[in-house]
Amino acid sequence: MGVAKVLNIAETEGIDNLKVILGDAVDVLEKNNHFSCFDEVIIFFPDPWPKRKHNKRRLISENFLMNIKKIMRENGTLRIKTDWQDYADEIEIYLKKSF
């Protein structure tokens, strides 16, 4: 779903507590990680980059999760879903280190 469609639905439904940021998530977090304003962060099915040589391109990393932690309010919820078991195992290791 594109940004314009999301904004259109929000307006039609009267949703006024939504902020849409167009940009790379890693860059946005690095520049704005001093705001603890999120009660919940949801990441559904990030690209697993299954080839080992491409693993460095994966969204979820220890550094990324540390930046997520900075933007979340105390007792906030982080939800991550993936259907790649090796990626899930890697994410679990990063979560234990970060949270």
PDB file of N, CA and C in Angstrom:
ATOM      1  N   MET A   1       0.853  -1.167   0.000  1.00  0.00           N
ATOM      2  CA  MET A   1       0.000   0.000   0.000  1.00  0.00           C
ATOM      3  C   MET A   1       0.900   1.230   0.000  1.00  0.00           C
ATOM      4  N   GLY A   2       0.592   2.186  -0.855  1.00  0.00           N
ATOM      5  CA  GLY A   2       1.399   3.388  -0.965  1.00  0.00           C
ATOM      6  C   GLY A   2       1.035   4.442   0.073  1.00  0.00           C
ATOM      7  N   VAL A   3       1.897   5.418   0.200  1.00  0.00           N
ATOM      8  CA  VAL A   3       1.719   6.496   1.173  1.00  0.00           C
ATOM      9  C   VAL A   3       0.431   7.265   0.906  1.00  0.00           C
ATOM     10  N   ALA A   4       0.172   7.613  -0.357  1.00  0.00           N
ATOM     11  CA  ALA A   4      -1.030   8.382  -0.699  1.00  0.00           C
ATOM     12  C   ALA A   4      -2.294   7.633  -0.296  1.00  0.00           C
ATOM     13  N   LYS A   5      -2.310   6.334  -0.528  1.00  0.00           N
ATOM     14  CA  LYS A   5      -3.487   5.534  -0.170  1.00  0.00           C
ATOM     15  C   LYS A   5      -3.676   5.489   1.344  1.00  0.00           C
ATOM     16  N   VAL A   6      -2.585   5.312   2.080  1.00  0.00           N
ATOM     17  CA  VAL A   6      -2.666   5.293   3.549  1.00  0.00           C
ATOM     18  C   VAL A   6      -3.223   6.619   4.058  1.00  0.00           C
ATOM     19  N   LEU A   7      -2.712   7.722   3.545  1.00  0.00           N
ATOM     20  CA  LEU A   7      -3.186   9.033   3.975  1.00  0.00           C
ATOM     21  C   LEU A   7      -4.643   9.246   3.603  1.00  0.00           C
ATOM     22  N   ASN A   8      -5.047   8.764   2.450  1.00  0.00           N
ATOM     23  CA  ASN A   8      -6.440   8.881   2.015  1.00  0.00           C
ATOM     24  C   ASN A   8      -7.357   8.083   2.939  1.00  0.00           C
ATOM     25  N   ILE A   9      -6.968   6.870   3.270  1.00  0.00           N
ATOM     26  CA  ILE A   9      -7.768   6.045   4.185  1.00  0.00           C
ATOM     27  C   ILE A   9      -7.854   6.708   5.553  1.00  0.00           C
ATOM     28  N   ALA A  10      -6.732   7.223   6.039  1.00  0.00           N
ATOM     29  CA  ALA A  10      -6.726   7.891   7.348  1.00  0.00           C
ATOM     30  C   ALA A  10      -7.695   9.064   7.348  1.00  0.00           C
ATOM     31  N   GLU A  11      -7.678   9.837   6.296  1.00  0.00           N
ATOM     32  CA  GLU A  11      -8.583  10.994   6.217  1.00  0.00           C
ATOM     33  C   GLU A  11     -10.036  10.547   6.142  1.00  0.00           C
ATOM     34  N   THR A  12     -10.318   9.553   5.314  1.00  0.00           N
ATOM     35  CA  THR A  12     -11.681   9.040   5.157  1.00  0.00           C
ATOM     36  C   THR A  12     -12.216   8.471   6.469  1.00  0.00           C
ATOM     37  N   GLU A  13     -11.354   7.774   7.204  1.00  0.00           N
ATOM     38  CA  GLU A  13     -11.758   7.127   8.461  1.00  0.00           C
ATOM     39  C   GLU A  13     -11.667   8.061   9.668  1.00  0.00           C
ATOM     40  N   GLY A  14     -11.177   9.276   9.466  1.00  0.00           N
ATOM     41  CA  GLY A  14     -11.060  10.222  10.571  1.00  0.00           C
ATOM     42  C   GLY A  14      -9.941   9.884  11.545  1.00  0.00           C
ATOM     43  N   ILE A  15      -8.929   9.204  11.063  1.00  0.00           N
ATOM     44  CA  ILE A  15      -7.788   8.847  11.915  1.00  0.00           C
ATOM     45  C   ILE A  15      -6.854  10.043  11.979  1.00  0.00           C
ATOM     46  N   ASP A  16      -6.669  10.576  13.188  1.00  0.00           N
ATOM     47  CA  ASP A  16      -5.848  11.785  13.316  1.00  0.00           C
ATOM     48  C   ASP A  16      -4.597  11.576  14.177  1.00  0.00           C
ATOM     49  N   ASN A  17      -4.328  10.336  14.567  1.00  0.00           N
ATOM     50  CA  ASN A  17      -3.144  10.068  15.375  1.00  0.00           C
ATOM     51  C   ASN A  17      -2.132   9.217  14.605  1.00  0.00           C
ATOM     52  N   LEU A  18      -1.982   9.522  13.342  1.00  0.00           N
ATOM     53  CA  LEU A  18      -1.111   8.768  12.453  1.00  0.00           C
ATOM     54  C   LEU A  18      -0.055   9.698  11.873  1.00  0.00           C
ATOM     55  N   LYS A  19       1.173   9.221  11.873  1.00  0.00           N
ATOM     56  CA  LYS A  19       2.246   9.958  11.222  1.00  0.00           C
ATOM     57  C   LYS A  19       2.901   9.011  10.231  1.00  0.00           C
ATOM     58  N   VAL A  20       3.024   9.457   8.999  1.00  0.00           N
ATOM     59  CA  VAL A  20       3.637   8.659   7.957  1.00  0.00           C
ATOM     60  C   VAL A  20       4.962   9.309   7.585  1.00  0.00           C
ATOM     61  N   ILE A  21       6.013   8.508   7.623  1.00  0.00           N
ATOM     62  CA  ILE A  21       7.342   9.001   7.281  1.00  0.00           C
ATOM     63  C   ILE A  21       7.804   8.245   6.052  1.00  0.00           C
ATOM     64  N   LEU A  22       8.096   8.965   5.005  1.00  0.00           N
ATOM     65  CA  LEU A  22       8.579   8.355   3.778  1.00  0.00           C
ATOM     66  C   LEU A  22      10.101   8.396   3.800  1.00  0.00           C
ATOM     67  N   GLY A  23      10.725   7.243   3.878  1.00  0.00           N
ATOM     68  CA  GLY A  23      12.180   7.188   3.911  1.00  0.00           C
ATOM     69  C   GLY A  23      12.655   5.825   4.335  1.00  0.00           C
ATOM     70  N   ASP A  24      13.939   5.647   4.299  1.00  0.00           N
ATOM     71  CA  ASP A  24      14.549   4.399   4.723  1.00  0.00           C
ATOM     72  C   ASP A  24      14.479   4.314   6.245  1.00  0.00           C
ATOM     73  N   ALA A  25      13.956   3.208   6.764  1.00  0.00           N
ATOM     74  CA  ALA A  25      13.745   3.062   8.212  1.00  0.00           C
ATOM     75  C   ALA A  25      15.036   3.222   9.002  1.00  0.00           C
ATOM     76  N   VAL A  26      16.124   2.683   8.496  1.00  0.00           N
ATOM     77  CA  VAL A  26      17.400   2.772   9.212  1.00  0.00           C
ATOM     78  C   VAL A  26      17.834   4.236   9.329  1.00  0.00           C
ATOM     79  N   ASP A  27      17.756   4.986   8.228  1.00  0.00           N
ATOM     80  CA  ASP A  27      18.143   6.401   8.237  1.00  0.00           C
ATOM     81  C   ASP A  27      17.238   7.228   9.143  1.00  0.00           C
ATOM     82  N   VAL A  28      15.940   6.989   9.054  1.00  0.00           N
ATOM     83  CA  VAL A  28      14.980   7.736   9.864  1.00  0.00           C
ATOM     84  C   VAL A  28      15.240   7.500  11.350  1.00  0.00           C
ATOM     85  N   LEU A  29      15.481   6.254  11.735  1.00  0.00           N
ATOM     86  CA  LEU A  29      15.744   5.946  13.145  1.00  0.00           C
ATOM     87  C   LEU A  29      17.050   6.560  13.628  1.00  0.00           C
ATOM     88  N   GLU A  30      18.086   6.493  12.812  1.00  0.00           N
ATOM     89  CA  GLU A  30      19.376   7.054  13.227  1.00  0.00           C
ATOM     90  C   GLU A  30      19.279   8.554  13.468  1.00  0.00           C
ATOM     91  N   LYS A  31      18.460   9.236  12.675  1.00  0.00           N
ATOM     92  CA  LYS A  31      18.336  10.693  12.796  1.00  0.00           C
ATOM     93  C   LYS A  31      17.336  11.124  13.863  1.00  0.00           C
ATOM     94  N   ASN A  32      16.437  10.234  14.260  1.00  0.00           N
ATOM     95  CA  ASN A  32      15.343  10.614  15.159  1.00  0.00           C
ATOM     96  C   ASN A  32      15.225   9.701  16.364  1.00  0.00           C
ATOM     97  N   ASN A  33      16.312   9.103  16.818  1.00  0.00           N
ATOM     98  CA  ASN A  33      16.195   8.133  17.896  1.00  0.00           C
ATOM     99  C   ASN A  33      16.230   8.765  19.286  1.00  0.00           C
ATOM    100  N   HIS A  34      16.075  10.065  19.379  1.00  0.00           N
ATOM    101  CA  HIS A  34      16.045  10.723  20.685  1.00  0.00           C
ATOM    102  C   HIS A  34      14.612  10.987  21.161  1.00  0.00           C
ATOM    103  N   PHE A  35      13.614  10.511  20.411  1.00  0.00           N
ATOM    104  CA  PHE A  35      12.215  10.661  20.799  1.00  0.00           C
ATOM    105  C   PHE A  35      11.673   9.327  21.295  1.00  0.00           C
ATOM    106  N   SER A  36      11.290   9.250  22.561  1.00  0.00           N
ATOM    107  CA  SER A  36      10.648   8.037  23.078  1.00  0.00           C
ATOM    108  C   SER A  36       9.145   8.231  22.977  1.00  0.00           C
ATOM    109  N   CYS A  37       8.595   7.917  21.816  1.00  0.00           N
ATOM    110  CA  CYS A  37       7.194   8.269  21.589  1.00  0.00           C
ATOM    111  C   CYS A  37       6.319   7.114  21.108  1.00  0.00           C
ATOM    112  N   PHE A  38       6.889   5.941  20.895  1.00  0.00           N
ATOM    113  CA  PHE A  38       6.094   4.849  20.356  1.00  0.00           C
ATOM    114  C   PHE A  38       5.716   3.855  21.444  1.00  0.00           C
ATOM    115  N   ASP A  39       4.418   3.533  21.506  1.00  0.00           N
ATOM    116  CA  ASP A  39       3.932   2.498  22.411  1.00  0.00           C
ATOM    117  C   ASP A  39       4.142   1.118  21.796  1.00  0.00           C
ATOM    118  N   GLU A  40       4.149   1.074  20.471  1.00  0.00           N
ATOM    119  CA  GLU A  40       4.280  -0.209  19.785  1.00  0.00           C
ATOM    120  C   GLU A  40       4.987   0.003  18.447  1.00  0.00           C
ATOM    121  N   VAL A  41       5.884  -0.910  18.132  1.00  0.00           N
ATOM    122  CA  VAL A  41       6.556  -0.934  16.833  1.00  0.00           C
ATOM    123  C   VAL A  41       6.299  -2.312  16.238  1.00  0.00           C
ATOM    124  N   ILE A  42       5.823  -2.313  14.992  1.00  0.00           N
ATOM    125  CA  ILE A  42       5.480  -3.561  14.320  1.00  0.00           C
ATOM    126  C   ILE A  42       6.314  -3.679  13.050  1.00  0.00           C
ATOM    127  N   ILE A  43       7.004  -4.800  12.914  1.00  0.00           N
ATOM    128  CA  ILE A  43       7.783  -5.078  11.708  1.00  0.00           C
ATOM    129  C   ILE A  43       7.341  -6.443  11.198  1.00  0.00           C
ATOM    130  N   PHE A  44       6.600  -6.441  10.107  1.00  0.00           N
ATOM    131  CA  PHE A  44       6.096  -7.686   9.540  1.00  0.00           C
ATOM    132  C   PHE A  44       6.897  -8.069   8.305  1.00  0.00           C
ATOM    133  N   PHE A  45       7.465  -9.229   8.336  1.00  0.00           N
ATOM    134  CA  PHE A  45       8.133  -9.879   7.221  1.00  0.00           C
ATOM    135  C   PHE A  45       9.164  -8.999   6.510  1.00  0.00           C
ATOM    136  N   PRO A  46      10.188  -8.550   7.264  1.00  0.00           N
ATOM    137  CA  PRO A  46      11.262  -7.810   6.606  1.00  0.00           C
ATOM    138  C   PRO A  46      11.988  -8.737   5.629  1.00  0.00           C
ATOM    139  N   ASP A  47      12.528  -8.176   4.575  1.00  0.00           N
ATOM    140  CA  ASP A  47      13.217  -8.968   3.555  1.00  0.00           C
ATOM    141  C   ASP A  47      14.335  -9.778   4.206  1.00  0.00           C
ATOM    142  N   PRO A  48      14.308 -11.109   4.058  1.00  0.00           N
ATOM    143  CA  PRO A  48      15.314 -11.945   4.735  1.00  0.00           C
ATOM    144  C   PRO A  48      16.679 -11.971   4.043  1.00  0.00           C
ATOM    145  N   TRP A  49      16.763 -11.465   2.829  1.00  0.00           N
ATOM    146  CA  TRP A  49      18.025 -11.543   2.079  1.00  0.00           C
ATOM    147  C   TRP A  49      18.656 -12.908   2.329  1.00  0.00           C
ATOM    148  N   PRO A  50      18.075 -13.970   1.768  1.00  0.00           N
ATOM    149  CA  PRO A  50      18.467 -15.323   2.124  1.00  0.00           C
ATOM    150  C   PRO A  50      19.894 -15.744   1.754  1.00  0.00           C
ATOM    151  N   LYS A  51      20.482 -15.121   0.740  1.00  0.00           N
ATOM    152  CA  LYS A  51      21.864 -15.500   0.407  1.00  0.00           C
ATOM    153  C   LYS A  51      22.807 -14.956   1.464  1.00  0.00           C
ATOM    154  N   ARG A  52      23.729 -15.793   1.922  1.00  0.00           N
ATOM    155  CA  ARG A  52      24.644 -15.405   3.000  1.00  0.00           C
ATOM    156  C   ARG A  52      25.389 -14.107   2.682  1.00  0.00           C
ATOM    157  N   LYS A  53      25.802 -13.924   1.433  1.00  0.00           N
ATOM    158  CA  LYS A  53      26.555 -12.716   1.075  1.00  0.00           C
ATOM    159  C   LYS A  53      25.699 -11.455   1.170  1.00  0.00           C
ATOM    160  N   HIS A  54      24.375 -11.603   1.218  1.00  0.00           N
ATOM    161  CA  HIS A  54      23.475 -10.454   1.314  1.00  0.00           C
ATOM    162  C   HIS A  54      22.969 -10.213   2.733  1.00  0.00           C
ATOM    163  N   ASN A  55      23.350 -11.054   3.690  1.00  0.00           N
ATOM    164  CA  ASN A  55      22.848 -10.918   5.066  1.00  0.00           C
ATOM    165  C   ASN A  55      23.069  -9.530   5.637  1.00  0.00           C
ATOM    166  N   LYS A  56      24.128  -8.855   5.227  1.00  0.00           N
ATOM    167  CA  LYS A  56      24.420  -7.512   5.745  1.00  0.00           C
ATOM    168  C   LYS A  56      23.346  -6.502   5.351  1.00  0.00           C
ATOM    169  N   ARG A  57      22.505  -6.850   4.392  1.00  0.00           N
ATOM    170  CA  ARG A  57      21.432  -5.953   3.943  1.00  0.00           C
ATOM    171  C   ARG A  57      20.153  -6.105   4.764  1.00  0.00           C
ATOM    172  N   ARG A  58      20.122  -7.079   5.652  1.00  0.00           N
ATOM    173  CA  ARG A  58      18.912  -7.309   6.450  1.00  0.00           C
ATOM    174  C   ARG A  58      18.604  -6.097   7.319  1.00  0.00           C
ATOM    175  N   LEU A  59      17.325  -5.800   7.448  1.00  0.00           N
ATOM    176  CA  LEU A  59      16.877  -4.658   8.246  1.00  0.00           C
ATOM    177  C   LEU A  59      17.208  -4.839   9.721  1.00  0.00           C
ATOM    178  N   ILE A  60      16.882  -5.983  10.264  1.00  0.00           N
ATOM    179  CA  ILE A  60      17.040  -6.204  11.697  1.00  0.00           C
ATOM    180  C   ILE A  60      18.492  -6.530  12.016  1.00  0.00           C
ATOM    181  N   SER A  61      19.094  -5.678  12.812  1.00  0.00           N
ATOM    182  CA  SER A  61      20.466  -5.876  13.284  1.00  0.00           C
ATOM    183  C   SER A  61      20.504  -5.430  14.739  1.00  0.00           C
ATOM    184  N   GLU A  62      21.600  -5.688  15.397  1.00  0.00           N
ATOM    185  CA  GLU A  62      21.728  -5.260  16.796  1.00  0.00           C
ATOM    186  C   GLU A  62      21.630  -3.739  16.896  1.00  0.00           C
ATOM    187  N   ASN A  63      22.286  -3.021  15.992  1.00  0.00           N
ATOM    188  CA  ASN A  63      22.261  -1.556  15.997  1.00  0.00           C
ATOM    189  C   ASN A  63      20.844  -1.029  15.729  1.00  0.00           C
ATOM    190  N   PHE A  64      20.151  -1.637  14.765  1.00  0.00           N
ATOM    191  CA  PHE A  64      18.787  -1.227  14.437  1.00  0.00           C
ATOM    192  C   PHE A  64      17.877  -1.410  15.648  1.00  0.00           C
ATOM    193  N   LEU A  65      18.010  -2.532  16.345  1.00  0.00           N
ATOM    194  CA  LEU A  65      17.172  -2.782  17.518  1.00  0.00           C
ATOM    195  C   LEU A  65      17.493  -1.827  18.664  1.00  0.00           C
ATOM    196  N   MET A  66      18.747  -1.440  18.797  1.00  0.00           N
ATOM    197  CA  MET A  66      19.101  -0.444  19.822  1.00  0.00           C
ATOM    198  C   MET A  66      18.416   0.885  19.512  1.00  0.00           C
ATOM    199  N   ASN A  67      18.348   1.263  18.237  1.00  0.00           N
ATOM    200  CA  ASN A  67      17.644   2.492  17.854  1.00  0.00           C
ATOM    201  C   ASN A  67      16.139   2.362  18.062  1.00  0.00           C
ATOM    202  N   ILE A  68      15.594   1.180  17.801  1.00  0.00           N
ATOM    203  CA  ILE A  68      14.165   0.928  18.078  1.00  0.00           C
ATOM    204  C   ILE A  68      13.904   1.115  19.568  1.00  0.00           C
ATOM    205  N   LYS A  69      14.770   0.561  20.385  1.00  0.00           N
ATOM    206  CA  LYS A  69      14.605   0.656  21.844  1.00  0.00           C
ATOM    207  C   LYS A  69      14.566   2.113  22.292  1.00  0.00           C
ATOM    208  N   LYS A  70      15.360   2.962  21.670  1.00  0.00           N
ATOM    209  CA  LYS A  70      15.414   4.380  22.036  1.00  0.00           C
ATOM    210  C   LYS A  70      14.114   5.118  21.714  1.00  0.00           C
ATOM    211  N   ILE A  71      13.397   4.690  20.679  1.00  0.00           N
ATOM    212  CA  ILE A  71      12.173   5.409  20.290  1.00  0.00           C
ATOM    213  C   ILE A  71      10.923   4.873  20.977  1.00  0.00           C
ATOM    214  N   MET A  72      11.061   3.754  21.690  1.00  0.00           N
ATOM    215  CA  MET A  72       9.906   3.163  22.345  1.00  0.00           C
ATOM    216  C   MET A  72       9.750   3.686  23.765  1.00  0.00           C
ATOM    217  N   ARG A  73       8.499   3.880  24.143  1.00  0.00           N
ATOM    218  CA  ARG A  73       8.204   4.254  25.518  1.00  0.00           C
ATOM    219  C   ARG A  73       8.475   3.064  26.431  1.00  0.00           C
ATOM    220  N   GLU A  74       8.647   3.360  27.709  1.00  0.00           N
ATOM    221  CA  GLU A  74       8.843   2.296  28.687  1.00  0.00           C
ATOM    222  C   GLU A  74       7.648   1.350  28.633  1.00  0.00           C
ATOM    223  N   ASN A  75       7.905   0.071  28.699  1.00  0.00           N
ATOM    224  CA  ASN A  75       6.882  -0.980  28.611  1.00  0.00           C
ATOM    225  C   ASN A  75       6.203  -1.033  27.246  1.00  0.00           C
ATOM    226  N   GLY A  76       6.865  -0.493  26.210  1.00  0.00           N
ATOM    227  CA  GLY A  76       6.333  -0.571  24.852  1.00  0.00           C
ATOM    228  C   GLY A  76       6.428  -1.998  24.320  1.00  0.00           C
ATOM    229  N   THR A  77       5.790  -2.230  23.190  1.00  0.00           N
ATOM    230  CA  THR A  77       5.737  -3.550  22.582  1.00  0.00           C
ATOM    231  C   THR A  77       6.410  -3.523  21.219  1.00  0.00           C
ATOM    232  N   LEU A  78       7.273  -4.491  20.986  1.00  0.00           N
ATOM    233  CA  LEU A  78       7.907  -4.671  19.682  1.00  0.00           C
ATOM    234  C   LEU A  78       7.425  -5.996  19.114  1.00  0.00           C
ATOM    235  N   ARG A  79       6.834  -5.948  17.934  1.00  0.00           N
ATOM    236  CA  ARG A  79       6.345  -7.157  17.279  1.00  0.00           C
ATOM    237  C   ARG A  79       7.102  -7.339  15.964  1.00  0.00           C
ATOM    238  N   ILE A  80       7.716  -8.496  15.813  1.00  0.00           N
ATOM    239  CA  ILE A  80       8.438  -8.819  14.588  1.00  0.00           C
ATOM    240  C   ILE A  80       7.964 -10.184  14.121  1.00  0.00           C
ATOM    241  N   LYS A  81       7.629 -10.278  12.840  1.00  0.00           N
ATOM    242  CA  LYS A  81       7.220 -11.559  12.265  1.00  0.00           C
ATOM    243  C   LYS A  81       8.054 -11.820  11.020  1.00  0.00           C
ATOM    244  N   THR A  82       8.521 -13.045  10.900  1.00  0.00           N
ATOM    245  CA  THR A  82       9.235 -13.485   9.710  1.00  0.00           C
ATOM    246  C   THR A  82       8.904 -14.944   9.463  1.00  0.00           C
ATOM    247  N   ASP A  83       9.008 -15.370   8.214  1.00  0.00           N
ATOM    248  CA  ASP A  83       8.771 -16.772   7.895  1.00  0.00           C
ATOM    249  C   ASP A  83      10.069 -17.477   7.478  1.00  0.00           C
ATOM    250  N   TRP A  84      11.210 -16.867   7.819  1.00  0.00           N
ATOM    251  CA  TRP A  84      12.524 -17.464   7.566  1.00  0.00           C
ATOM    252  C   TRP A  84      13.138 -17.834   8.914  1.00  0.00           C
ATOM    253  N   GLN A  85      13.261 -19.130   9.178  1.00  0.00           N
ATOM    254  CA  GLN A  85      13.715 -19.580  10.492  1.00  0.00           C
ATOM    255  C   GLN A  85      15.112 -19.075  10.846  1.00  0.00           C
ATOM    256  N   ASP A  86      16.052 -19.087   9.893  1.00  0.00           N
ATOM    257  CA  ASP A  86      17.398 -18.626  10.238  1.00  0.00           C
ATOM    258  C   ASP A  86      17.408 -17.141  10.572  1.00  0.00           C
ATOM    259  N   TYR A  87      16.555 -16.377   9.905  1.00  0.00           N
ATOM    260  CA  TYR A  87      16.435 -14.947  10.218  1.00  0.00           C
ATOM    261  C   TYR A  87      15.804 -14.773  11.595  1.00  0.00           C
ATOM    262  N   ALA A  88      14.794 -15.577  11.897  1.00  0.00           N
ATOM    263  CA  ALA A  88      14.147 -15.520  13.216  1.00  0.00           C
ATOM    264  C   ALA A  88      15.154 -15.835  14.320  1.00  0.00           C
ATOM    265  N   ASP A  89      16.000 -16.835  14.098  1.00  0.00           N
ATOM    266  CA  ASP A  89      17.024 -17.188  15.088  1.00  0.00           C
ATOM    267  C   ASP A  89      17.999 -16.033  15.289  1.00  0.00           C
ATOM    268  N   GLU A  90      18.403 -15.405  14.193  1.00  0.00           N
ATOM    269  CA  GLU A  90      19.318 -14.259  14.260  1.00  0.00           C
ATOM    270  C   GLU A  90      18.669 -13.093  15.007  1.00  0.00           C
ATOM    271  N   ILE A  91      17.412 -12.812  14.699  1.00  0.00           N
ATOM    272  CA  ILE A  91      16.684 -11.730  15.363  1.00  0.00           C
ATOM    273  C   ILE A  91      16.584 -11.997  16.861  1.00  0.00           C
ATOM    274  N   GLU A  92      16.318 -13.236  17.221  1.00  0.00           N
ATOM    275  CA  GLU A  92      16.204 -13.594  18.642  1.00  0.00           C
ATOM    276  C   GLU A  92      17.506 -13.314  19.392  1.00  0.00           C
ATOM    277  N   ILE A  93      18.635 -13.610  18.771  1.00  0.00           N
ATOM    278  CA  ILE A  93      19.930 -13.316  19.385  1.00  0.00           C
ATOM    279  C   ILE A  93      20.093 -11.817  19.585  1.00  0.00           C
ATOM    280  N   TYR A  94      19.763 -11.037  18.556  1.00  0.00           N
ATOM    281  CA  TYR A  94      19.869  -9.568  18.658  1.00  0.00           C
ATOM    282  C   TYR A  94      18.929  -9.020  19.723  1.00  0.00           C
ATOM    283  N   LEU A  95      17.727  -9.578  19.819  1.00  0.00           N
ATOM    284  CA  LEU A  95      16.760  -9.111  20.824  1.00  0.00           C
ATOM    285  C   LEU A  95      17.283  -9.352  22.241  1.00  0.00           C
ATOM    286  N   LYS A  96      17.880 -10.505  22.467  1.00  0.00           N
ATOM    287  CA  LYS A  96      18.415 -10.806  23.790  1.00  0.00           C
ATOM    288  C   LYS A  96      19.528  -9.839  24.169  1.00  0.00           C
ATOM    289  N   LYS A  97      20.322  -9.419  23.198  1.00  0.00           N
ATOM    290  CA  LYS A  97      21.403  -8.466  23.458  1.00  0.00           C
ATOM    291  C   LYS A  97      20.867  -7.046  23.676  1.00  0.00           C
ATOM    292  N   SER A  98      19.823  -6.686  22.931  1.00  0.00           N
ATOM    293  CA  SER A  98      19.330  -5.305  22.924  1.00  0.00           C
ATOM    294  C   SER A  98      18.277  -5.020  23.991  1.00  0.00           C
ATOM    295  N   PHE A  99      17.434  -6.003  24.267  1.00  0.00           N
ATOM    296  CA  PHE A  99      16.334  -5.794  25.190  1.00  0.00           C
ATOM    297  C   PHE A  99      16.515  -6.647  26.426  1.00  0.00           C
TER     298      PHE A  99
END
